[in-house]
Amino acid sequence: MEGARYLEDGRLTIFRRSGIYYARLRTAASPRYITRSLKTSNEQTAVDLGRRLLFQLEQRAEEGLHLHRAPVPVARVRRRLRFRCPEGRHTPFSR
């Protein structure tokens, strides 16, 4: 990645794509990279947000929580299935 900044012993990479900064993180608990938008175009703000995000993900890993988000359609389906009757009809309180 051209112009990327490698921080925290290589566990955090800050890079820019289409004018917006992104963080690519690597934790000991996850075998793959986690990439998140930092939603800023300021480099110093991106570095601060990236370090904060890395710290939060490491805390989640220590607590045994998930690091990766479920895709939006799966979460939406789970939420809708929660309100369905066994026959497949919606309950009156599903809205």
N, C-alpha and C. Protein backbone atom coordinates (compact mmCIF):
# COMPACT_ATOMS: atom_id res chain seq x y z
N MET A 1 0.84 -1.17 0.00
CA MET A 1 0.00 0.00 0.00
C MET A 1 0.89 1.24 0.00
N GLU A 2 0.70 2.04 -0.99
CA GLU A 2 1.51 3.24 -1.12
C GLU A 2 1.01 4.31 -0.16
N GLY A 3 1.94 4.92 0.57
CA GLY A 3 1.60 5.98 1.51
C GLY A 3 0.99 5.49 2.80
N ALA A 4 1.05 4.20 3.07
CA ALA A 4 0.47 3.65 4.30
C ALA A 4 1.42 3.89 5.47
N ARG A 5 0.84 4.01 6.65
CA ARG A 5 1.62 4.14 7.87
C ARG A 5 1.45 2.87 8.68
N TYR A 6 2.57 2.27 9.06
CA TYR A 6 2.57 1.04 9.83
C TYR A 6 2.90 1.40 11.27
N LEU A 7 1.97 1.09 12.18
CA LEU A 7 2.10 1.48 13.58
C LEU A 7 1.94 0.27 14.49
N GLU A 8 2.28 0.47 15.75
CA GLU A 8 2.10 -0.56 16.78
C GLU A 8 2.72 -1.89 16.38
N ASP A 9 3.96 -1.86 15.98
CA ASP A 9 4.72 -3.07 15.60
C ASP A 9 4.06 -3.84 14.46
N GLY A 10 3.45 -3.13 13.53
CA GLY A 10 2.83 -3.76 12.37
C GLY A 10 1.43 -4.28 12.59
N ARG A 11 0.89 -4.14 13.80
CA ARG A 11 -0.47 -4.61 14.06
C ARG A 11 -1.52 -3.66 13.52
N LEU A 12 -1.13 -2.41 13.24
CA LEU A 12 -2.05 -1.39 12.76
C LEU A 12 -1.48 -0.73 11.52
N THR A 13 -2.24 -0.70 10.46
CA THR A 13 -1.86 -0.03 9.22
C THR A 13 -2.94 0.99 8.89
N ILE A 14 -2.52 2.24 8.70
CA ILE A 14 -3.44 3.31 8.31
C ILE A 14 -3.17 3.62 6.85
N PHE A 15 -4.19 3.55 6.02
CA PHE A 15 -4.02 3.86 4.60
C PHE A 15 -5.21 4.66 4.10
N ARG A 16 -5.03 5.29 2.96
CA ARG A 16 -6.05 6.17 2.40
C ARG A 16 -6.58 5.59 1.09
N ARG A 17 -7.91 5.60 0.96
CA ARG A 17 -8.55 5.13 -0.26
C ARG A 17 -9.69 6.10 -0.59
N SER A 18 -9.64 6.69 -1.76
CA SER A 18 -10.66 7.65 -2.21
C SER A 18 -10.84 8.81 -1.23
N GLY A 19 -9.75 9.25 -0.64
CA GLY A 19 -9.79 10.40 0.26
C GLY A 19 -10.18 10.10 1.69
N ILE A 20 -10.55 8.86 2.00
CA ILE A 20 -10.95 8.46 3.35
C ILE A 20 -9.91 7.50 3.91
N TYR A 21 -9.57 7.66 5.18
CA TYR A 21 -8.60 6.79 5.82
C TYR A 21 -9.26 5.52 6.35
N TYR A 22 -8.52 4.42 6.25
CA TYR A 22 -8.95 3.12 6.73
C TYR A 22 -7.88 2.56 7.66
N ALA A 23 -8.31 1.67 8.55
CA ALA A 23 -7.39 0.97 9.44
C ALA A 23 -7.43 -0.51 9.09
N ARG A 24 -6.27 -1.11 8.96
CA ARG A 24 -6.16 -2.56 8.78
C ARG A 24 -5.47 -3.08 10.02
N LEU A 25 -6.17 -3.93 10.76
CA LEU A 25 -5.70 -4.37 12.07
C LEU A 25 -5.43 -5.87 12.09
N ARG A 26 -4.49 -6.23 12.92
CA ARG A 26 -4.18 -7.66 13.11
C ARG A 26 -4.04 -7.90 14.60
N THR A 27 -4.86 -8.78 15.14
CA THR A 27 -4.77 -9.12 16.55
C THR A 27 -4.29 -10.56 16.69
N ALA A 28 -3.81 -10.88 17.87
CA ALA A 28 -3.34 -12.24 18.11
C ALA A 28 -4.50 -13.24 18.11
N ALA A 29 -5.71 -12.76 18.41
CA ALA A 29 -6.87 -13.64 18.50
C ALA A 29 -7.46 -14.00 17.15
N SER A 30 -7.12 -13.24 16.11
CA SER A 30 -7.73 -13.46 14.80
C SER A 30 -6.66 -13.81 13.77
N PRO A 31 -6.88 -14.86 12.98
CA PRO A 31 -5.88 -15.23 11.97
C PRO A 31 -5.93 -14.36 10.72
N ARG A 32 -6.92 -13.49 10.61
CA ARG A 32 -7.04 -12.66 9.41
C ARG A 32 -7.08 -11.17 9.79
N TYR A 33 -6.88 -10.34 8.77
CA TYR A 33 -6.91 -8.90 8.98
C TYR A 33 -8.35 -8.41 9.15
N ILE A 34 -8.49 -7.33 9.90
CA ILE A 34 -9.77 -6.65 10.06
C ILE A 34 -9.59 -5.26 9.47
N THR A 35 -10.42 -4.89 8.51
CA THR A 35 -10.33 -3.58 7.87
C THR A 35 -11.58 -2.79 8.19
N ARG A 36 -11.40 -1.58 8.70
CA ARG A 36 -12.52 -0.72 9.04
C ARG A 36 -12.26 0.69 8.55
N SER A 37 -13.32 1.34 8.11
CA SER A 37 -13.24 2.75 7.72
C SER A 37 -13.14 3.59 8.98
N LEU A 38 -12.27 4.60 8.94
CA LEU A 38 -12.15 5.52 10.06
C LEU A 38 -12.99 6.78 9.85
N LYS A 39 -13.62 6.89 8.69
CA LYS A 39 -14.56 7.96 8.37
C LYS A 39 -13.98 9.35 8.60
N THR A 40 -12.73 9.54 8.19
CA THR A 40 -12.10 10.85 8.29
C THR A 40 -11.13 11.03 7.14
N SER A 41 -10.88 12.28 6.81
CA SER A 41 -9.89 12.59 5.77
C SER A 41 -8.65 13.25 6.37
N ASN A 42 -8.61 13.38 7.70
CA ASN A 42 -7.47 13.96 8.41
C ASN A 42 -6.57 12.84 8.89
N GLU A 43 -5.29 12.90 8.53
CA GLU A 43 -4.37 11.80 8.85
C GLU A 43 -4.14 11.64 10.34
N GLN A 44 -3.94 12.74 11.08
CA GLN A 44 -3.68 12.62 12.52
C GLN A 44 -4.89 12.08 13.26
N THR A 45 -6.08 12.50 12.86
CA THR A 45 -7.30 11.96 13.46
C THR A 45 -7.41 10.47 13.15
N ALA A 46 -7.04 10.08 11.94
CA ALA A 46 -7.09 8.67 11.55
C ALA A 46 -6.15 7.82 12.40
N VAL A 47 -4.97 8.33 12.67
CA VAL A 47 -4.00 7.60 13.50
C VAL A 47 -4.56 7.42 14.91
N ASP A 48 -5.13 8.48 15.47
CA ASP A 48 -5.71 8.39 16.82
C ASP A 48 -6.88 7.41 16.85
N LEU A 49 -7.76 7.49 15.86
CA LEU A 49 -8.91 6.58 15.81
C LEU A 49 -8.47 5.13 15.59
N GLY A 50 -7.44 4.93 14.77
CA GLY A 50 -6.93 3.59 14.52
C GLY A 50 -6.35 2.96 15.77
N ARG A 51 -5.61 3.74 16.53
CA ARG A 51 -5.05 3.21 17.80
C ARG A 51 -6.15 2.87 18.78
N ARG A 52 -7.17 3.74 18.85
CA ARG A 52 -8.30 3.48 19.74
C ARG A 52 -9.04 2.20 19.33
N LEU A 53 -9.23 2.02 18.01
CA LEU A 53 -9.91 0.83 17.50
C LEU A 53 -9.10 -0.43 17.80
N LEU A 54 -7.80 -0.37 17.62
CA LEU A 54 -6.95 -1.52 17.94
C LEU A 54 -7.07 -1.88 19.41
N PHE A 55 -7.03 -0.88 20.29
CA PHE A 55 -7.16 -1.13 21.72
C PHE A 55 -8.52 -1.77 22.03
N GLN A 56 -9.60 -1.27 21.42
CA GLN A 56 -10.93 -1.83 21.67
C GLN A 56 -11.03 -3.27 21.21
N LEU A 57 -10.46 -3.58 20.04
CA LEU A 57 -10.52 -4.95 19.54
C LEU A 57 -9.69 -5.90 20.40
N GLU A 58 -8.56 -5.42 20.91
CA GLU A 58 -7.75 -6.27 21.80
C GLU A 58 -8.49 -6.53 23.10
N GLN A 59 -9.22 -5.54 23.60
CA GLN A 59 -10.02 -5.74 24.80
C GLN A 59 -11.13 -6.75 24.55
N ARG A 60 -11.80 -6.65 23.39
CA ARG A 60 -12.85 -7.62 23.05
C ARG A 60 -12.28 -9.03 22.96
N ALA A 61 -11.07 -9.16 22.40
CA ALA A 61 -10.45 -10.48 22.28
C ALA A 61 -10.14 -11.06 23.65
N GLU A 62 -9.67 -10.22 24.57
CA GLU A 62 -9.38 -10.69 25.93
C GLU A 62 -10.63 -11.14 26.66
N GLU A 63 -11.76 -10.49 26.36
CA GLU A 63 -13.03 -10.86 26.98
C GLU A 63 -13.71 -12.03 26.30
N GLY A 64 -13.14 -12.50 25.19
CA GLY A 64 -13.70 -13.63 24.46
C GLY A 64 -14.86 -13.27 23.55
N LEU A 65 -15.00 -11.99 23.18
CA LEU A 65 -16.08 -11.55 22.31
C LEU A 65 -15.65 -11.62 20.85
N HIS A 66 -16.63 -11.59 19.93
CA HIS A 66 -16.35 -11.65 18.50
C HIS A 66 -15.67 -10.36 18.03
N LEU A 67 -14.75 -10.51 17.10
CA LEU A 67 -14.05 -9.36 16.53
C LEU A 67 -14.64 -8.95 15.20
N HIS A 68 -15.22 -9.89 14.47
CA HIS A 68 -15.75 -9.62 13.14
C HIS A 68 -17.25 -9.42 13.21
N ARG A 69 -17.74 -8.51 12.39
CA ARG A 69 -19.18 -8.24 12.33
C ARG A 69 -19.86 -9.26 11.43
N ALA A 70 -21.12 -9.56 11.75
CA ALA A 70 -21.92 -10.39 10.86
C ALA A 70 -22.36 -9.53 9.68
N PRO A 71 -22.44 -10.08 8.50
CA PRO A 71 -22.94 -9.30 7.36
C PRO A 71 -24.36 -8.79 7.63
N VAL A 72 -24.69 -7.64 7.10
CA VAL A 72 -25.98 -7.01 7.37
C VAL A 72 -27.15 -7.91 7.02
N PRO A 73 -27.18 -8.59 5.87
CA PRO A 73 -28.35 -9.42 5.57
C PRO A 73 -28.57 -10.52 6.61
N VAL A 74 -27.53 -11.12 7.13
CA VAL A 74 -27.69 -12.18 8.13
C VAL A 74 -28.30 -11.61 9.40
N ALA A 75 -27.81 -10.45 9.83
CA ALA A 75 -28.36 -9.83 11.03
C ALA A 75 -29.82 -9.46 10.82
N ARG A 76 -30.15 -8.98 9.65
CA ARG A 76 -31.53 -8.61 9.35
C ARG A 76 -32.44 -9.84 9.36
N VAL A 77 -31.97 -10.94 8.80
CA VAL A 77 -32.76 -12.17 8.77
C VAL A 77 -32.97 -12.69 10.19
N ARG A 78 -31.93 -12.68 11.01
CA ARG A 78 -32.08 -13.15 12.38
C ARG A 78 -33.10 -12.31 13.15
N ARG A 79 -33.04 -11.00 12.95
CA ARG A 79 -33.98 -10.12 13.64
C ARG A 79 -35.41 -10.41 13.22
N ARG A 80 -35.62 -10.65 11.93
CA ARG A 80 -36.97 -10.94 11.45
C ARG A 80 -37.45 -12.31 11.91
N LEU A 81 -36.58 -13.29 11.96
CA LEU A 81 -36.99 -14.63 12.36
C LEU A 81 -37.37 -14.70 13.83
N ARG A 82 -36.84 -13.79 14.61
CA ARG A 82 -37.16 -13.76 16.03
C ARG A 82 -38.65 -13.55 16.27
N PHE A 83 -39.32 -12.81 15.37
CA PHE A 83 -40.71 -12.45 15.56
C PHE A 83 -41.68 -13.34 14.79
N ARG A 84 -41.21 -14.43 14.23
CA ARG A 84 -42.10 -15.27 13.44
C ARG A 84 -42.68 -16.39 14.28
N CYS A 85 -43.90 -16.76 13.95
CA CYS A 85 -44.56 -17.89 14.59
C CYS A 85 -44.04 -19.18 13.96
N PRO A 86 -44.24 -20.32 14.60
CA PRO A 86 -43.82 -21.59 14.00
C PRO A 86 -44.47 -21.85 12.65
N GLU A 87 -45.68 -21.32 12.43
CA GLU A 87 -46.37 -21.53 11.16
C GLU A 87 -45.83 -20.60 10.07
N GLY A 88 -44.97 -19.69 10.42
CA GLY A 88 -44.42 -18.77 9.43
C GLY A 88 -45.14 -17.45 9.35
N ARG A 89 -46.16 -17.23 10.20
CA ARG A 89 -46.88 -15.96 10.20
C ARG A 89 -46.26 -15.02 11.23
N HIS A 90 -46.36 -13.73 10.98
CA HIS A 90 -45.86 -12.74 11.93
C HIS A 90 -46.80 -12.59 13.10
N THR A 91 -46.27 -12.28 14.23
CA THR A 91 -47.10 -12.00 15.41
C THR A 91 -47.57 -10.56 15.34
N PRO A 92 -48.60 -10.18 16.10
CA PRO A 92 -49.08 -8.79 16.05
C PRO A 92 -48.02 -7.80 16.56
N PHE A 93 -47.06 -8.27 17.34
CA PHE A 93 -46.07 -7.38 17.93
C PHE A 93 -44.77 -7.30 17.12
N SER A 94 -44.76 -7.80 15.91
CA SER A 94 -43.52 -7.86 15.13
C SER A 94 -43.16 -6.53 14.47
N ARG A 95 -44.03 -5.57 14.49
CA ARG A 95 -43.75 -4.28 13.85
C ARG A 95 -43.10 -3.32 14.74
